[in-house]
N, C-alpha and C. Protein backbone atom coordinates (compact mmCIF):
# COMPACT_ATOMS: atom_id res chain seq x y z
N MET A 1 -25.96 10.97 5.74
CA MET A 1 -25.43 10.14 6.80
C MET A 1 -24.84 8.88 6.17
N SER A 2 -23.60 8.58 6.47
CA SER A 2 -22.96 7.40 5.91
C SER A 2 -23.15 6.21 6.84
N VAL A 3 -23.25 5.03 6.25
CA VAL A 3 -23.44 3.80 7.02
C VAL A 3 -22.49 2.74 6.48
N CYS A 4 -22.16 1.78 7.34
CA CYS A 4 -21.33 0.65 6.94
C CYS A 4 -22.24 -0.46 6.42
N ALA A 5 -21.79 -1.12 5.37
CA ALA A 5 -22.54 -2.23 4.81
C ALA A 5 -21.59 -3.37 4.51
N ALA A 6 -22.11 -4.59 4.57
CA ALA A 6 -21.33 -5.79 4.29
C ALA A 6 -22.15 -6.72 3.41
N ASN A 7 -21.46 -7.50 2.60
CA ASN A 7 -22.11 -8.48 1.75
C ASN A 7 -22.53 -9.65 2.62
N ASP A 8 -23.81 -10.05 2.51
CA ASP A 8 -24.30 -11.13 3.37
C ASP A 8 -24.11 -12.52 2.75
N GLY A 9 -23.44 -12.61 1.60
CA GLY A 9 -23.17 -13.90 0.99
C GLY A 9 -24.16 -14.29 -0.09
N THR A 10 -25.31 -13.64 -0.12
CA THR A 10 -26.30 -13.95 -1.15
C THR A 10 -26.35 -12.89 -2.23
N GLY A 11 -25.43 -11.94 -2.17
CA GLY A 11 -25.40 -10.89 -3.17
C GLY A 11 -26.06 -9.60 -2.75
N TYR A 12 -26.54 -9.55 -1.52
CA TYR A 12 -27.18 -8.34 -1.02
C TYR A 12 -26.28 -7.66 0.00
N LEU A 13 -26.45 -6.35 0.12
CA LEU A 13 -25.72 -5.59 1.14
C LEU A 13 -26.58 -5.48 2.38
N LYS A 14 -25.94 -5.67 3.52
CA LYS A 14 -26.65 -5.58 4.80
C LYS A 14 -25.95 -4.51 5.63
N ILE A 15 -26.74 -3.61 6.23
CA ILE A 15 -26.17 -2.56 7.07
C ILE A 15 -25.69 -3.18 8.38
N VAL A 16 -24.44 -2.88 8.71
CA VAL A 16 -23.85 -3.43 9.94
C VAL A 16 -23.49 -2.27 10.86
N ALA A 17 -23.42 -2.57 12.14
CA ALA A 17 -23.13 -1.54 13.14
C ALA A 17 -21.68 -1.66 13.60
N GLU A 18 -20.75 -1.51 12.67
CA GLU A 18 -19.33 -1.57 13.00
C GLU A 18 -18.75 -0.17 13.01
N THR A 19 -17.76 0.03 13.85
CA THR A 19 -17.09 1.33 13.86
C THR A 19 -16.03 1.42 12.78
N ASP A 20 -15.44 0.30 12.41
CA ASP A 20 -14.47 0.30 11.32
C ASP A 20 -15.04 -0.52 10.16
N CYS A 21 -15.36 0.15 9.09
CA CYS A 21 -15.97 -0.50 7.93
C CYS A 21 -14.92 -1.30 7.18
N THR A 22 -15.20 -2.56 6.94
CA THR A 22 -14.25 -3.41 6.25
C THR A 22 -14.65 -3.68 4.80
N GLU A 23 -15.90 -3.45 4.42
CA GLU A 23 -16.31 -3.76 3.07
C GLU A 23 -16.80 -2.53 2.30
N PHE A 24 -17.93 -1.96 2.68
CA PHE A 24 -18.52 -0.87 1.93
C PHE A 24 -18.95 0.26 2.85
N VAL A 25 -18.91 1.48 2.33
CA VAL A 25 -19.45 2.64 3.04
C VAL A 25 -20.45 3.28 2.10
N LEU A 26 -21.68 3.39 2.55
CA LEU A 26 -22.72 4.03 1.75
C LEU A 26 -22.85 5.47 2.21
N VAL A 27 -22.75 6.41 1.27
CA VAL A 27 -22.81 7.84 1.60
C VAL A 27 -24.02 8.46 0.93
N SER A 28 -24.45 9.58 1.49
CA SER A 28 -25.57 10.30 0.88
C SER A 28 -25.06 11.11 -0.30
N GLN A 29 -25.98 11.66 -1.06
CA GLN A 29 -25.60 12.43 -2.25
C GLN A 29 -24.83 13.69 -1.86
N SER A 30 -25.24 14.35 -0.80
CA SER A 30 -24.53 15.56 -0.38
C SER A 30 -23.10 15.25 0.07
N GLU A 31 -22.90 14.14 0.76
CA GLU A 31 -21.55 13.75 1.16
C GLU A 31 -20.69 13.40 -0.05
N PHE A 32 -21.30 12.76 -1.04
CA PHE A 32 -20.58 12.41 -2.26
C PHE A 32 -20.15 13.65 -3.02
N VAL A 33 -21.04 14.63 -3.13
CA VAL A 33 -20.71 15.88 -3.81
C VAL A 33 -19.59 16.61 -3.06
N GLU A 34 -19.63 16.56 -1.74
CA GLU A 34 -18.57 17.18 -0.95
C GLU A 34 -17.23 16.49 -1.18
N LEU A 35 -17.24 15.18 -1.28
CA LEU A 35 -16.01 14.45 -1.57
C LEU A 35 -15.46 14.81 -2.95
N GLN A 36 -16.35 14.91 -3.92
CA GLN A 36 -15.92 15.25 -5.28
C GLN A 36 -15.37 16.66 -5.37
N SER A 37 -15.89 17.57 -4.58
CA SER A 37 -15.55 18.97 -4.74
C SER A 37 -14.15 19.31 -4.26
N GLY A 38 -13.56 18.58 -3.36
CA GLY A 38 -12.24 19.00 -2.93
C GLY A 38 -11.51 18.03 -2.04
N SER A 39 -12.19 17.43 -1.11
CA SER A 39 -11.48 16.57 -0.17
C SER A 39 -10.98 15.30 -0.85
N LEU A 40 -11.65 14.86 -1.92
CA LEU A 40 -11.17 13.70 -2.66
C LEU A 40 -9.86 14.02 -3.36
N GLN A 41 -9.75 15.23 -3.89
CA GLN A 41 -8.51 15.65 -4.53
C GLN A 41 -7.38 15.73 -3.51
N GLN A 42 -7.65 16.25 -2.32
CA GLN A 42 -6.63 16.31 -1.28
C GLN A 42 -6.20 14.92 -0.84
N MET A 43 -7.15 14.01 -0.72
CA MET A 43 -6.82 12.65 -0.34
C MET A 43 -5.98 11.98 -1.43
N ASN A 44 -6.30 12.23 -2.67
CA ASN A 44 -5.54 11.68 -3.79
C ASN A 44 -4.11 12.19 -3.78
N GLU A 45 -3.92 13.48 -3.52
CA GLU A 45 -2.58 14.05 -3.46
C GLU A 45 -1.80 13.46 -2.28
N THR A 46 -2.45 13.28 -1.15
CA THR A 46 -1.80 12.70 0.02
C THR A 46 -1.36 11.27 -0.25
N LEU A 47 -2.22 10.47 -0.87
CA LEU A 47 -1.86 9.10 -1.21
C LEU A 47 -0.71 9.06 -2.20
N HIS A 48 -0.71 9.99 -3.15
CA HIS A 48 0.38 10.05 -4.12
C HIS A 48 1.70 10.38 -3.42
N LEU A 49 1.68 11.31 -2.48
CA LEU A 49 2.90 11.65 -1.75
C LEU A 49 3.39 10.49 -0.89
N LEU A 50 2.48 9.75 -0.29
CA LEU A 50 2.87 8.66 0.59
C LEU A 50 3.38 7.44 -0.17
N PHE A 51 2.78 7.13 -1.30
CA PHE A 51 3.08 5.88 -1.99
C PHE A 51 3.73 6.07 -3.35
N ALA A 52 4.25 7.23 -3.64
CA ALA A 52 4.90 7.46 -4.92
C ALA A 52 6.22 6.69 -4.97
N PHE A 53 6.60 6.26 -6.15
CA PHE A 53 7.84 5.52 -6.34
C PHE A 53 9.01 6.48 -6.28
N ASP A 54 9.92 6.24 -5.34
CA ASP A 54 11.08 7.11 -5.17
C ASP A 54 12.29 6.46 -5.82
N VAL A 55 12.80 7.07 -6.88
CA VAL A 55 13.89 6.51 -7.66
C VAL A 55 15.18 6.48 -6.84
N GLU A 56 15.42 7.49 -6.05
CA GLU A 56 16.66 7.55 -5.27
C GLU A 56 16.73 6.44 -4.23
N VAL A 57 15.62 6.19 -3.53
CA VAL A 57 15.59 5.12 -2.54
C VAL A 57 15.76 3.77 -3.22
N PHE A 58 15.13 3.60 -4.37
CA PHE A 58 15.28 2.35 -5.11
C PHE A 58 16.73 2.12 -5.51
N ALA A 59 17.41 3.17 -5.97
CA ALA A 59 18.82 3.03 -6.37
C ALA A 59 19.70 2.66 -5.19
N ILE A 60 19.45 3.25 -4.03
CA ILE A 60 20.24 2.93 -2.84
C ILE A 60 20.02 1.48 -2.42
N VAL A 61 18.77 1.05 -2.39
CA VAL A 61 18.46 -0.33 -1.99
C VAL A 61 19.03 -1.31 -3.00
N GLU A 62 18.91 -1.01 -4.29
CA GLU A 62 19.43 -1.89 -5.32
C GLU A 62 20.95 -2.03 -5.20
N LEU A 63 21.65 -0.93 -5.00
CA LEU A 63 23.10 -0.96 -4.84
C LEU A 63 23.50 -1.76 -3.61
N ALA A 64 22.78 -1.58 -2.51
CA ALA A 64 23.09 -2.32 -1.29
C ALA A 64 22.90 -3.82 -1.50
N LEU A 65 21.84 -4.21 -2.19
CA LEU A 65 21.61 -5.64 -2.45
C LEU A 65 22.65 -6.23 -3.38
N ILE A 66 23.05 -5.49 -4.40
CA ILE A 66 24.09 -5.97 -5.32
C ILE A 66 25.41 -6.12 -4.58
N MET A 67 25.75 -5.14 -3.77
CA MET A 67 27.01 -5.21 -3.01
C MET A 67 26.99 -6.37 -2.02
N ALA A 68 25.86 -6.61 -1.36
CA ALA A 68 25.76 -7.73 -0.43
C ALA A 68 25.91 -9.05 -1.16
N PHE A 69 25.31 -9.16 -2.33
CA PHE A 69 25.43 -10.39 -3.12
C PHE A 69 26.87 -10.63 -3.54
N LEU A 70 27.50 -9.61 -4.10
CA LEU A 70 28.87 -9.77 -4.58
C LEU A 70 29.84 -10.07 -3.44
N THR A 71 29.68 -9.39 -2.31
CA THR A 71 30.56 -9.62 -1.17
C THR A 71 30.42 -11.05 -0.66
N SER A 72 29.19 -11.51 -0.49
CA SER A 72 29.00 -12.87 0.01
C SER A 72 29.41 -13.91 -1.02
N HIS A 73 29.19 -13.65 -2.30
CA HIS A 73 29.56 -14.59 -3.36
C HIS A 73 31.07 -14.76 -3.40
N PHE A 74 31.80 -13.67 -3.47
CA PHE A 74 33.25 -13.78 -3.55
C PHE A 74 33.87 -14.18 -2.21
N GLY A 75 33.23 -13.84 -1.11
CA GLY A 75 33.68 -14.34 0.18
C GLY A 75 33.55 -15.85 0.27
N GLY A 76 32.47 -16.39 -0.24
CA GLY A 76 32.28 -17.84 -0.27
C GLY A 76 33.27 -18.52 -1.18
N ARG A 77 33.54 -17.91 -2.33
CA ARG A 77 34.55 -18.47 -3.26
C ARG A 77 35.93 -18.49 -2.61
N THR A 78 36.24 -17.40 -1.91
CA THR A 78 37.56 -17.32 -1.25
C THR A 78 37.66 -18.37 -0.13
N ALA A 79 36.60 -18.52 0.65
CA ALA A 79 36.60 -19.52 1.71
C ALA A 79 36.72 -20.92 1.12
N ARG A 80 36.09 -21.17 0.01
CA ARG A 80 36.18 -22.47 -0.65
C ARG A 80 37.59 -22.70 -1.18
N TRP A 81 38.20 -21.68 -1.74
CA TRP A 81 39.55 -21.79 -2.28
C TRP A 81 40.56 -22.04 -1.16
N LEU A 82 40.36 -21.37 -0.01
CA LEU A 82 41.27 -21.56 1.11
C LEU A 82 41.09 -22.92 1.78
N GLY A 83 39.88 -23.50 1.65
CA GLY A 83 39.60 -24.79 2.26
C GLY A 83 40.19 -25.95 1.51
N LYS A 84 40.59 -25.74 0.27
CA LYS A 84 41.13 -26.86 -0.52
C LYS A 84 42.57 -27.09 -0.26
């Protein structure tokens, strides 16, 4: 049976009755073995798929930022030149 625990400020863990654990989750040995056997690997793969670095998206965003900078920079120069 897993329980939620929180640090009480003196270095000890105190069991709390929260539905969403914000600090620690204490699990039994059988639950830990179950996590190690397969579901931990599935969770790791899911996190990798969700948060993996996508080179194509980075290239698109980088190009858009460079183009926005150059357009505004030369637009400002042109406006300054026309204002003189």
